[in-house]
Amino acid sequence: MALEPALTEEQLYNHMKKSSNWSFNYNGNHDFYKQDCLDFLRDTDFQSFSQYGKLVNRRYIEAKRIYLFDSYFRNFLQEILERIEVFLKKSTADALTIGYNK
């Protein structure tokens, strides 16, 4: 099975708009979010981002907001989980050491 060629950000934007029917509208301007989308696609994996588009009927700005919130929330939870992990390890180590010394 042959691999599809990689697309530039501009080609990907055109694919999103024409083939996949993504909406980039704001106040009647059909390309309002074009530059924002091009900049965003430079740093984002389109395959994972496109899943968010399915949630909001392929409206770009809504999908981007959800994607960014999900990214923020994931990082926030990771930080909290790291603190919990350190606390549990320390508590367990302290309990075992205190119990061993008796």
PDB file of N, CA and C in Angstrom:
ATOM      1  N   MET A   1       0.847  -1.180   0.000  1.00  0.00           N
ATOM      2  CA  MET A   1       0.000   0.000   0.000  1.00  0.00           C
ATOM      3  C   MET A   1       0.890   1.239   0.000  1.00  0.00           C
ATOM      4  N   ALA A   2       0.667   2.110  -0.926  1.00  0.00           N
ATOM      5  CA  ALA A   2       1.481   3.320  -1.064  1.00  0.00           C
ATOM      6  C   ALA A   2       1.063   4.374  -0.050  1.00  0.00           C
ATOM      7  N   LEU A   3       2.048   5.127   0.409  1.00  0.00           N
ATOM      8  CA  LEU A   3       1.785   6.228   1.333  1.00  0.00           C
ATOM      9  C   LEU A   3       1.354   7.470   0.554  1.00  0.00           C
ATOM     10  N   GLU A   4       0.444   8.202   1.136  1.00  0.00           N
ATOM     11  CA  GLU A   4       0.039   9.460   0.527  1.00  0.00           C
ATOM     12  C   GLU A   4       1.133  10.493   0.754  1.00  0.00           C
ATOM     13  N   PRO A   5       1.354  11.385  -0.191  1.00  0.00           N
ATOM     14  CA  PRO A   5       2.398  12.397  -0.008  1.00  0.00           C
ATOM     15  C   PRO A   5       2.026  13.374   1.105  1.00  0.00           C
ATOM     16  N   ALA A   6       3.047  13.878   1.766  1.00  0.00           N
ATOM     17  CA  ALA A   6       2.819  14.865   2.828  1.00  0.00           C
ATOM     18  C   ALA A   6       2.354  16.182   2.218  1.00  0.00           C
ATOM     19  N   LEU A   7       1.487  16.874   2.913  1.00  0.00           N
ATOM     20  CA  LEU A   7       0.963  18.153   2.437  1.00  0.00           C
ATOM     21  C   LEU A   7       1.591  19.298   3.215  1.00  0.00           C
ATOM     22  N   THR A   8       1.806  20.414   2.537  1.00  0.00           N
ATOM     23  CA  THR A   8       2.257  21.606   3.241  1.00  0.00           C
ATOM     24  C   THR A   8       1.068  22.159   4.028  1.00  0.00           C
ATOM     25  N   GLU A   9       1.321  23.132   4.876  1.00  0.00           N
ATOM     26  CA  GLU A   9       0.238  23.718   5.650  1.00  0.00           C
ATOM     27  C   GLU A   9      -0.809  24.352   4.735  1.00  0.00           C
ATOM     28  N   GLU A  10      -0.353  25.014   3.672  1.00  0.00           N
ATOM     29  CA  GLU A  10      -1.272  25.644   2.723  1.00  0.00           C
ATOM     30  C   GLU A  10      -2.130  24.595   2.012  1.00  0.00           C
ATOM     31  N   GLN A  11      -1.501  23.508   1.575  1.00  0.00           N
ATOM     32  CA  GLN A  11      -2.245  22.433   0.912  1.00  0.00           C
ATOM     33  C   GLN A  11      -3.225  21.777   1.870  1.00  0.00           C
ATOM     34  N   LEU A  12      -2.799  21.612   3.112  1.00  0.00           N
ATOM     35  CA  LEU A  12      -3.670  21.003   4.113  1.00  0.00           C
ATOM     36  C   LEU A  12      -4.868  21.901   4.408  1.00  0.00           C
ATOM     37  N   TYR A  13      -4.618  23.198   4.483  1.00  0.00           N
ATOM     38  CA  TYR A  13      -5.719  24.151   4.673  1.00  0.00           C
ATOM     39  C   TYR A  13      -6.720  24.038   3.527  1.00  0.00           C
ATOM     40  N   ASN A  14      -6.213  24.019   2.295  1.00  0.00           N
ATOM     41  CA  ASN A  14      -7.096  23.899   1.125  1.00  0.00           C
ATOM     42  C   ASN A  14      -7.857  22.577   1.148  1.00  0.00           C
ATOM     43  N   HIS A  15      -7.201  21.513   1.566  1.00  0.00           N
ATOM     44  CA  HIS A  15      -7.864  20.212   1.683  1.00  0.00           C
ATOM     45  C   HIS A  15      -8.970  20.272   2.739  1.00  0.00           C
ATOM     46  N   MET A  16      -8.662  20.887   3.873  1.00  0.00           N
ATOM     47  CA  MET A  16      -9.660  21.009   4.937  1.00  0.00           C
ATOM     48  C   MET A  16     -10.869  21.790   4.433  1.00  0.00           C
ATOM     49  N   LYS A  17     -10.629  22.879   3.721  1.00  0.00           N
ATOM     50  CA  LYS A  17     -11.708  23.759   3.293  1.00  0.00           C
ATOM     51  C   LYS A  17     -12.531  23.157   2.160  1.00  0.00           C
ATOM     52  N   LYS A  18     -11.869  22.603   1.151  1.00  0.00           N
ATOM     53  CA  LYS A  18     -12.582  22.145  -0.039  1.00  0.00           C
ATOM     54  C   LYS A  18     -13.045  20.695   0.053  1.00  0.00           C
ATOM     55  N   SER A  19     -12.164  19.796   0.482  1.00  0.00           N
ATOM     56  CA  SER A  19     -12.512  18.372   0.484  1.00  0.00           C
ATOM     57  C   SER A  19     -13.240  17.940   1.752  1.00  0.00           C
ATOM     58  N   SER A  20     -12.842  18.508   2.882  1.00  0.00           N
ATOM     59  CA  SER A  20     -13.420  18.071   4.159  1.00  0.00           C
ATOM     60  C   SER A  20     -14.490  19.015   4.691  1.00  0.00           C
ATOM     61  N   ASN A  21     -14.709  20.124   3.996  1.00  0.00           N
ATOM     62  CA  ASN A  21     -15.764  21.083   4.353  1.00  0.00           C
ATOM     63  C   ASN A  21     -15.629  21.684   5.745  1.00  0.00           C
ATOM     64  N   TRP A  22     -14.406  22.047   6.138  1.00  0.00           N
ATOM     65  CA  TRP A  22     -14.203  22.776   7.385  1.00  0.00           C
ATOM     66  C   TRP A  22     -14.675  24.213   7.183  1.00  0.00           C
ATOM     67  N   SER A  23     -15.165  24.828   8.244  1.00  0.00           N
ATOM     68  CA  SER A  23     -15.629  26.204   8.187  1.00  0.00           C
ATOM     69  C   SER A  23     -14.593  27.126   8.836  1.00  0.00           C
ATOM     70  N   PHE A  24     -14.212  28.171   8.109  1.00  0.00           N
ATOM     71  CA  PHE A  24     -13.277  29.173   8.610  1.00  0.00           C
ATOM     72  C   PHE A  24     -13.943  30.550   8.610  1.00  0.00           C
ATOM     73  N   ASN A  25     -15.255  30.584   8.690  1.00  0.00           N
ATOM     74  CA  ASN A  25     -16.045  31.813   8.593  1.00  0.00           C
ATOM     75  C   ASN A  25     -16.049  32.614   9.884  1.00  0.00           C
ATOM     76  N   TYR A  26     -16.084  33.927   9.697  1.00  0.00           N
ATOM     77  CA  TYR A  26     -16.347  34.857  10.791  1.00  0.00           C
ATOM     78  C   TYR A  26     -16.894  36.129  10.171  1.00  0.00           C
ATOM     79  N   ASN A  27     -18.102  36.481  10.532  1.00  0.00           N
ATOM     80  CA  ASN A  27     -18.771  37.683  10.002  1.00  0.00           C
ATOM     81  C   ASN A  27     -18.758  37.738   8.471  1.00  0.00           C
ATOM     82  N   GLY A  28     -19.046  36.628   7.831  1.00  0.00           N
ATOM     83  CA  GLY A  28     -19.132  36.597   6.375  1.00  0.00           C
ATOM     84  C   GLY A  28     -17.805  36.448   5.652  1.00  0.00           C
ATOM     85  N   ASN A  29     -16.694  36.554   6.346  1.00  0.00           N
ATOM     86  CA  ASN A  29     -15.379  36.379   5.728  1.00  0.00           C
ATOM     87  C   ASN A  29     -15.041  34.879   5.757  1.00  0.00           C
ATOM     88  N   HIS A  30     -14.969  34.260   4.596  1.00  0.00           N
ATOM     89  CA  HIS A  30     -14.796  32.810   4.521  1.00  0.00           C
ATOM     90  C   HIS A  30     -13.363  32.349   4.806  1.00  0.00           C
ATOM     91  N   ASP A  31     -12.399  33.271   4.770  1.00  0.00           N
ATOM     92  CA  ASP A  31     -10.998  32.912   5.055  1.00  0.00           C
ATOM     93  C   ASP A  31     -10.469  33.643   6.288  1.00  0.00           C
ATOM     94  N   PHE A  32     -11.353  34.013   7.199  1.00  0.00           N
ATOM     95  CA  PHE A  32     -10.953  34.818   8.360  1.00  0.00           C
ATOM     96  C   PHE A  32      -9.858  34.135   9.180  1.00  0.00           C
ATOM     97  N   TYR A  33      -9.969  32.821   9.374  1.00  0.00           N
ATOM     98  CA  TYR A  33      -9.028  32.102  10.230  1.00  0.00           C
ATOM     99  C   TYR A  33      -7.919  31.407   9.445  1.00  0.00           C
ATOM    100  N   LYS A  34      -7.729  31.774   8.180  1.00  0.00           N
ATOM    101  CA  LYS A  34      -6.743  31.078   7.346  1.00  0.00           C
ATOM    102  C   LYS A  34      -5.338  31.165   7.937  1.00  0.00           C
ATOM    103  N   GLN A  35      -4.835  32.353   8.216  1.00  0.00           N
ATOM    104  CA  GLN A  35      -3.463  32.491   8.719  1.00  0.00           C
ATOM    105  C   GLN A  35      -3.320  31.834  10.092  1.00  0.00           C
ATOM    106  N   ASP A  36      -4.337  31.958  10.921  1.00  0.00           N
ATOM    107  CA  ASP A  36      -4.320  31.305  12.224  1.00  0.00           C
ATOM    108  C   ASP A  36      -4.220  29.793  12.049  1.00  0.00           C
ATOM    109  N   CYS A  37      -4.960  29.254  11.096  1.00  0.00           N
ATOM    110  CA  CYS A  37      -4.950  27.821  10.827  1.00  0.00           C
ATOM    111  C   CYS A  37      -3.575  27.381  10.317  1.00  0.00           C
ATOM    112  N   LEU A  38      -2.998  28.153   9.397  1.00  0.00           N
ATOM    113  CA  LEU A  38      -1.673  27.801   8.871  1.00  0.00           C
ATOM    114  C   LEU A  38      -0.630  27.777   9.984  1.00  0.00           C
ATOM    115  N   ASP A  39      -0.665  28.763  10.856  1.00  0.00           N
ATOM    116  CA  ASP A  39       0.271  28.810  11.983  1.00  0.00           C
ATOM    117  C   ASP A  39       0.034  27.637  12.938  1.00  0.00           C
ATOM    118  N   PHE A  40      -1.228  27.332  13.178  1.00  0.00           N
ATOM    119  CA  PHE A  40      -1.591  26.247  14.091  1.00  0.00           C
ATOM    120  C   PHE A  40      -1.152  24.892  13.543  1.00  0.00           C
ATOM    121  N   LEU A  41      -1.320  24.685  12.241  1.00  0.00           N
ATOM    122  CA  LEU A  41      -0.972  23.402  11.631  1.00  0.00           C
ATOM    123  C   LEU A  41       0.532  23.147  11.600  1.00  0.00           C
ATOM    124  N   ARG A  42       1.345  24.201  11.727  1.00  0.00           N
ATOM    125  CA  ARG A  42       2.800  24.026  11.770  1.00  0.00           C
ATOM    126  C   ARG A  42       3.228  23.285  13.037  1.00  0.00           C
ATOM    127  N   ASP A  43       2.432  23.415  14.101  1.00  0.00           N
ATOM    128  CA  ASP A  43       2.805  22.841  15.394  1.00  0.00           C
ATOM    129  C   ASP A  43       1.889  21.706  15.841  1.00  0.00           C
ATOM    130  N   THR A  44       0.929  21.319  15.008  1.00  0.00           N
ATOM    131  CA  THR A  44      -0.092  20.375  15.440  1.00  0.00           C
ATOM    132  C   THR A  44      -0.205  19.218  14.456  1.00  0.00           C
ATOM    133  N   ASP A  45      -0.436  18.045  14.993  1.00  0.00           N
ATOM    134  CA  ASP A  45      -0.689  16.881  14.154  1.00  0.00           C
ATOM    135  C   ASP A  45      -2.131  16.940  13.669  1.00  0.00           C
ATOM    136  N   PHE A  46      -2.316  17.020  12.366  1.00  0.00           N
ATOM    137  CA  PHE A  46      -3.658  17.184  11.825  1.00  0.00           C
ATOM    138  C   PHE A  46      -4.548  15.986  12.126  1.00  0.00           C
ATOM    139  N   GLN A  47      -4.003  14.787  12.110  1.00  0.00           N
ATOM    140  CA  GLN A  47      -4.833  13.601  12.333  1.00  0.00           C
ATOM    141  C   GLN A  47      -5.482  13.636  13.713  1.00  0.00           C
ATOM    142  N   SER A  48      -4.738  14.012  14.731  1.00  0.00           N
ATOM    143  CA  SER A  48      -5.340  14.095  16.063  1.00  0.00           C
ATOM    144  C   SER A  48      -6.265  15.308  16.171  1.00  0.00           C
ATOM    145  N   PHE A  49      -5.888  16.422  15.546  1.00  0.00           N
ATOM    146  CA  PHE A  49      -6.724  17.628  15.591  1.00  0.00           C
ATOM    147  C   PHE A  49      -8.061  17.407  14.888  1.00  0.00           C
ATOM    148  N   SER A  50      -8.056  16.652  13.807  1.00  0.00           N
ATOM    149  CA  SER A  50      -9.283  16.455  13.028  1.00  0.00           C
ATOM    150  C   SER A  50     -10.360  15.730  13.836  1.00  0.00           C
ATOM    151  N   GLN A  51      -9.954  14.962  14.837  1.00  0.00           N
ATOM    152  CA  GLN A  51     -10.940  14.282  15.684  1.00  0.00           C
ATOM    153  C   GLN A  51     -11.776  15.293  16.465  1.00  0.00           C
ATOM    154  N   TYR A  52     -11.162  16.393  16.855  1.00  0.00           N
ATOM    155  CA  TYR A  52     -11.898  17.445  17.562  1.00  0.00           C
ATOM    156  C   TYR A  52     -12.879  18.134  16.613  1.00  0.00           C
ATOM    157  N   GLY A  53     -12.510  18.227  15.350  1.00  0.00           N
ATOM    158  CA  GLY A  53     -13.394  18.827  14.362  1.00  0.00           C
ATOM    159  C   GLY A  53     -14.694  18.061  14.202  1.00  0.00           C
ATOM    160  N   LYS A  54     -14.623  16.759  14.359  1.00  0.00           N
ATOM    161  CA  LYS A  54     -15.832  15.940  14.252  1.00  0.00           C
ATOM    162  C   LYS A  54     -16.832  16.270  15.360  1.00  0.00           C
ATOM    163  N   LEU A  55     -16.339  16.729  16.484  1.00  0.00           N
ATOM    164  CA  LEU A  55     -17.213  17.059  17.613  1.00  0.00           C
ATOM    165  C   LEU A  55     -18.018  18.338  17.380  1.00  0.00           C
ATOM    166  N   VAL A  56     -17.482  19.232  16.553  1.00  0.00           N
ATOM    167  CA  VAL A  56     -18.104  20.550  16.374  1.00  0.00           C
ATOM    168  C   VAL A  56     -18.437  20.828  14.910  1.00  0.00           C
ATOM    169  N   ASN A  57     -18.775  19.803  14.174  1.00  0.00           N
ATOM    170  CA  ASN A  57     -19.173  19.943  12.764  1.00  0.00           C
ATOM    171  C   ASN A  57     -18.136  20.670  11.913  1.00  0.00           C
ATOM    172  N   ARG A  58     -16.871  20.393  12.195  1.00  0.00           N
ATOM    173  CA  ARG A  58     -15.741  20.923  11.420  1.00  0.00           C
ATOM    174  C   ARG A  58     -15.685  22.454  11.376  1.00  0.00           C
ATOM    175  N   ARG A  59     -16.019  23.072  12.482  1.00  0.00           N
ATOM    176  CA  ARG A  59     -15.827  24.524  12.608  1.00  0.00           C
ATOM    177  C   ARG A  59     -14.456  24.723  13.239  1.00  0.00           C
ATOM    178  N   TYR A  60     -13.554  25.334  12.480  1.00  0.00           N
ATOM    179  CA  TYR A  60     -12.146  25.421  12.869  1.00  0.00           C
ATOM    180  C   TYR A  60     -11.935  26.031  14.248  1.00  0.00           C
ATOM    181  N   ILE A  61     -12.488  27.213  14.473  1.00  0.00           N
ATOM    182  CA  ILE A  61     -12.182  27.918  15.720  1.00  0.00           C
ATOM    183  C   ILE A  61     -12.698  27.151  16.933  1.00  0.00           C
ATOM    184  N   GLU A  62     -13.850  26.494  16.805  1.00  0.00           N
ATOM    185  CA  GLU A  62     -14.389  25.696  17.911  1.00  0.00           C
ATOM    186  C   GLU A  62     -13.503  24.476  18.169  1.00  0.00           C
ATOM    187  N   ALA A  63     -13.072  23.816  17.103  1.00  0.00           N
ATOM    188  CA  ALA A  63     -12.197  22.646  17.252  1.00  0.00           C
ATOM    189  C   ALA A  63     -10.877  23.049  17.890  1.00  0.00           C
ATOM    190  N   LYS A  64     -10.352  24.215  17.492  1.00  0.00           N
ATOM    191  CA  LYS A  64      -9.081  24.678  18.064  1.00  0.00           C
ATOM    192  C   LYS A  64      -9.239  24.972  19.552  1.00  0.00           C
ATOM    193  N   ARG A  65     -10.343  25.590  19.939  1.00  0.00           N
ATOM    194  CA  ARG A  65     -10.574  25.882  21.361  1.00  0.00           C
ATOM    195  C   ARG A  65     -10.630  24.599  22.189  1.00  0.00           C
ATOM    196  N   ILE A  66     -11.342  23.611  21.680  1.00  0.00           N
ATOM    197  CA  ILE A  66     -11.442  22.332  22.398  1.00  0.00           C
ATOM    198  C   ILE A  66     -10.079  21.659  22.467  1.00  0.00           C
ATOM    199  N   TYR A  67      -9.338  21.685  21.365  1.00  0.00           N
ATOM    200  CA  TYR A  67      -8.011  21.073  21.320  1.00  0.00           C
ATOM    201  C   TYR A  67      -7.083  21.723  22.341  1.00  0.00           C
ATOM    202  N   LEU A  68      -7.075  23.040  22.384  1.00  0.00           N
ATOM    203  CA  LEU A  68      -6.200  23.752  23.319  1.00  0.00           C
ATOM    204  C   LEU A  68      -6.615  23.528  24.772  1.00  0.00           C
ATOM    205  N   PHE A  69      -7.929  23.493  25.033  1.00  0.00           N
ATOM    206  CA  PHE A  69      -8.387  23.207  26.389  1.00  0.00           C
ATOM    207  C   PHE A  69      -7.988  21.799  26.802  1.00  0.00           C
ATOM    208  N   ASP A  70      -8.161  20.843  25.908  1.00  0.00           N
ATOM    209  CA  ASP A  70      -7.788  19.466  26.207  1.00  0.00           C
ATOM    210  C   ASP A  70      -6.297  19.357  26.505  1.00  0.00           C
ATOM    211  N   SER A  71      -5.485  20.056  25.733  1.00  0.00           N
ATOM    212  CA  SER A  71      -4.041  20.060  25.951  1.00  0.00           C
ATOM    213  C   SER A  71      -3.692  20.664  27.314  1.00  0.00           C
ATOM    214  N   TYR A  72      -4.320  21.800  27.640  1.00  0.00           N
ATOM    215  CA  TYR A  72      -4.102  22.447  28.938  1.00  0.00           C
ATOM    216  C   TYR A  72      -4.522  21.514  30.079  1.00  0.00           C
ATOM    217  N   PHE A  73      -5.711  20.926  29.944  1.00  0.00           N
ATOM    218  CA  PHE A  73      -6.240  20.071  30.998  1.00  0.00           C
ATOM    219  C   PHE A  73      -5.373  18.828  31.204  1.00  0.00           C
ATOM    220  N   ARG A  74      -4.896  18.244  30.097  1.00  0.00           N
ATOM    221  CA  ARG A  74      -4.024  17.074  30.171  1.00  0.00           C
ATOM    222  C   ARG A  74      -2.731  17.420  30.916  1.00  0.00           C
ATOM    223  N   ASN A  75      -2.135  18.561  30.609  1.00  0.00           N
ATOM    224  CA  ASN A  75      -0.901  18.984  31.284  1.00  0.00           C
ATOM    225  C   ASN A  75      -1.153  19.280  32.758  1.00  0.00           C
ATOM    226  N   PHE A  76      -2.289  19.901  33.054  1.00  0.00           N
ATOM    227  CA  PHE A  76      -2.652  20.193  34.439  1.00  0.00           C
ATOM    228  C   PHE A  76      -2.804  18.903  35.241  1.00  0.00           C
ATOM    229  N   LEU A  77      -3.520  17.931  34.676  1.00  0.00           N
ATOM    230  CA  LEU A  77      -3.698  16.646  35.368  1.00  0.00           C
ATOM    231  C   LEU A  77      -2.385  15.912  35.543  1.00  0.00           C
ATOM    232  N   GLN A  78      -1.514  16.005  34.552  1.00  0.00           N
ATOM    233  CA  GLN A  78      -0.204  15.350  34.655  1.00  0.00           C
ATOM    234  C   GLN A  78       0.582  15.911  35.830  1.00  0.00           C
ATOM    235  N   GLU A  79       0.534  17.210  35.999  1.00  0.00           N
ATOM    236  CA  GLU A  79       1.247  17.845  37.117  1.00  0.00           C
ATOM    237  C   GLU A  79       0.669  17.388  38.460  1.00  0.00           C
ATOM    238  N   ILE A  80      -0.649  17.341  38.562  1.00  0.00           N
ATOM    239  CA  ILE A  80      -1.302  16.900  39.799  1.00  0.00           C
ATOM    240  C   ILE A  80      -0.952  15.440  40.089  1.00  0.00           C
ATOM    241  N   LEU A  81      -1.000  14.596  39.068  1.00  0.00           N
ATOM    242  CA  LEU A  81      -0.695  13.174  39.250  1.00  0.00           C
ATOM    243  C   LEU A  81       0.754  12.958  39.679  1.00  0.00           C
ATOM    244  N   GLU A  82       1.661  13.767  39.168  1.00  0.00           N
ATOM    245  CA  GLU A  82       3.059  13.665  39.595  1.00  0.00           C
ATOM    246  C   GLU A  82       3.196  13.990  41.082  1.00  0.00           C
ATOM    247  N   ARG A  83       2.486  15.008  41.538  1.00  0.00           N
ATOM    248  CA  ARG A  83       2.538  15.365  42.970  1.00  0.00           C
ATOM    249  C   ARG A  83       1.966  14.250  43.839  1.00  0.00           C
ATOM    250  N   ILE A  84       0.856  13.665  43.387  1.00  0.00           N
ATOM    251  CA  ILE A  84       0.243  12.558  44.134  1.00  0.00           C
ATOM    252  C   ILE A  84       1.197  11.367  44.170  1.00  0.00           C
ATOM    253  N   GLU A  85       1.831  11.070  43.054  1.00  0.00           N
ATOM    254  CA  GLU A  85       2.769   9.951  42.992  1.00  0.00           C
ATOM    255  C   GLU A  85       3.924  10.142  43.969  1.00  0.00           C
ATOM    256  N   VAL A  86       4.502  11.340  44.002  1.00  0.00           N
ATOM    257  CA  VAL A  86       5.608  11.614  44.923  1.00  0.00           C
ATOM    258  C   VAL A  86       5.141  11.480  46.365  1.00  0.00           C
ATOM    259  N   PHE A  87       3.957  12.012  46.671  1.00  0.00           N
ATOM    260  CA  PHE A  87       3.426  11.916  48.017  1.00  0.00           C
ATOM    261  C   PHE A  87       3.228  10.457  48.435  1.00  0.00           C
ATOM    262  N   LEU A  88       2.631   9.649  47.564  1.00  0.00           N
ATOM    263  CA  LEU A  88       2.402   8.237  47.894  1.00  0.00           C
ATOM    264  C   LEU A  88       3.707   7.472  48.077  1.00  0.00           C
ATOM    265  N   LYS A  89       4.678   7.722  47.223  1.00  0.00           N
ATOM    266  CA  LYS A  89       5.981   7.051  47.355  1.00  0.00           C
ATOM    267  C   LYS A  89       6.655   7.435  48.666  1.00  0.00           C
ATOM    268  N   LYS A  90       6.623   8.733  48.990  1.00  0.00           N
ATOM    269  CA  LYS A  90       7.252   9.196  50.232  1.00  0.00           C
ATOM    270  C   LYS A  90       6.538   8.627  51.453  1.00  0.00           C
ATOM    271  N   SER A  91       5.214   8.646  51.427  1.00  0.00           N
ATOM    272  CA  SER A  91       4.447   8.124  52.555  1.00  0.00           C
ATOM    273  C   SER A  91       4.701   6.634  52.753  1.00  0.00           C
ATOM    274  N   THR A  92       4.728   5.891  51.657  1.00  0.00           N
ATOM    275  CA  THR A  92       4.982   4.451  51.736  1.00  0.00           C
ATOM    276  C   THR A  92       6.390   4.180  52.252  1.00  0.00           C
ATOM    277  N   ALA A  93       7.365   4.916  51.716  1.00  0.00           N
ATOM    278  CA  ALA A  93       8.750   4.732  52.159  1.00  0.00           C
ATOM    279  C   ALA A  93       8.900   5.088  53.646  1.00  0.00           C
ATOM    280  N   ASP A  94       8.262   6.167  54.068  1.00  0.00           N
ATOM    281  CA  ASP A  94       8.320   6.541  55.486  1.00  0.00           C
ATOM    282  C   ASP A  94       7.671   5.486  56.370  1.00  0.00           C
ATOM    283  N   ALA A  95       6.522   5.001  55.968  1.00  0.00           N
ATOM    284  CA  ALA A  95       5.819   3.987  56.768  1.00  0.00           C
ATOM    285  C   ALA A  95       6.632   2.706  56.864  1.00  0.00           C
ATOM    286  N   LEU A  96       7.232   2.301  55.766  1.00  0.00           N
ATOM    287  CA  LEU A  96       8.052   1.077  55.781  1.00  0.00           C
ATOM    288  C   LEU A  96       9.310   1.255  56.614  1.00  0.00           C
ATOM    289  N   THR A  97       9.928   2.426  56.508  1.00  0.00           N
ATOM    290  CA  THR A  97      11.152   2.649  57.293  1.00  0.00           C
ATOM    291  C   THR A  97      10.872   2.734  58.772  1.00  0.00           C
ATOM    292  N   ILE A  98       9.798   3.415  59.142  1.00  0.00           N
ATOM    293  CA  ILE A  98       9.448   3.531  60.556  1.00  0.00           C
ATOM    294  C   ILE A  98       9.088   2.144  61.093  1.00  0.00           C
ATOM    295  N   GLY A  99       8.310   1.381  60.336  1.00  0.00           N
ATOM    296  CA  GLY A  99       7.939   0.023  60.745  1.00  0.00           C
ATOM    297  C   GLY A  99       9.130  -0.892  60.842  1.00  0.00           C
ATOM    298  N   TYR A 100      10.119  -0.747  59.997  1.00  0.00           N
ATOM    299  CA  TYR A 100      11.304  -1.604  59.988  1.00  0.00           C
ATOM    300  C   TYR A 100      12.198  -1.327  61.188  1.00  0.00           C
ATOM    301  N   ASN A 101      12.306  -0.054  61.576  1.00  0.00           N
ATOM    302  CA  ASN A 101      13.177   0.324  62.688  1.00  0.00           C
ATOM    303  C   ASN A 101      12.646  -0.168  64.012  1.00  0.00           C
ATOM    304  N   LYS A 102      11.357  -0.481  64.125  1.00  0.00           N
ATOM    305  CA  LYS A 102      10.799  -0.952  65.384  1.00  0.00           C
ATOM    306  C   LYS A 102      11.146  -2.405  65.519  1.00  0.00           C
TER     307      LYS A 102
END
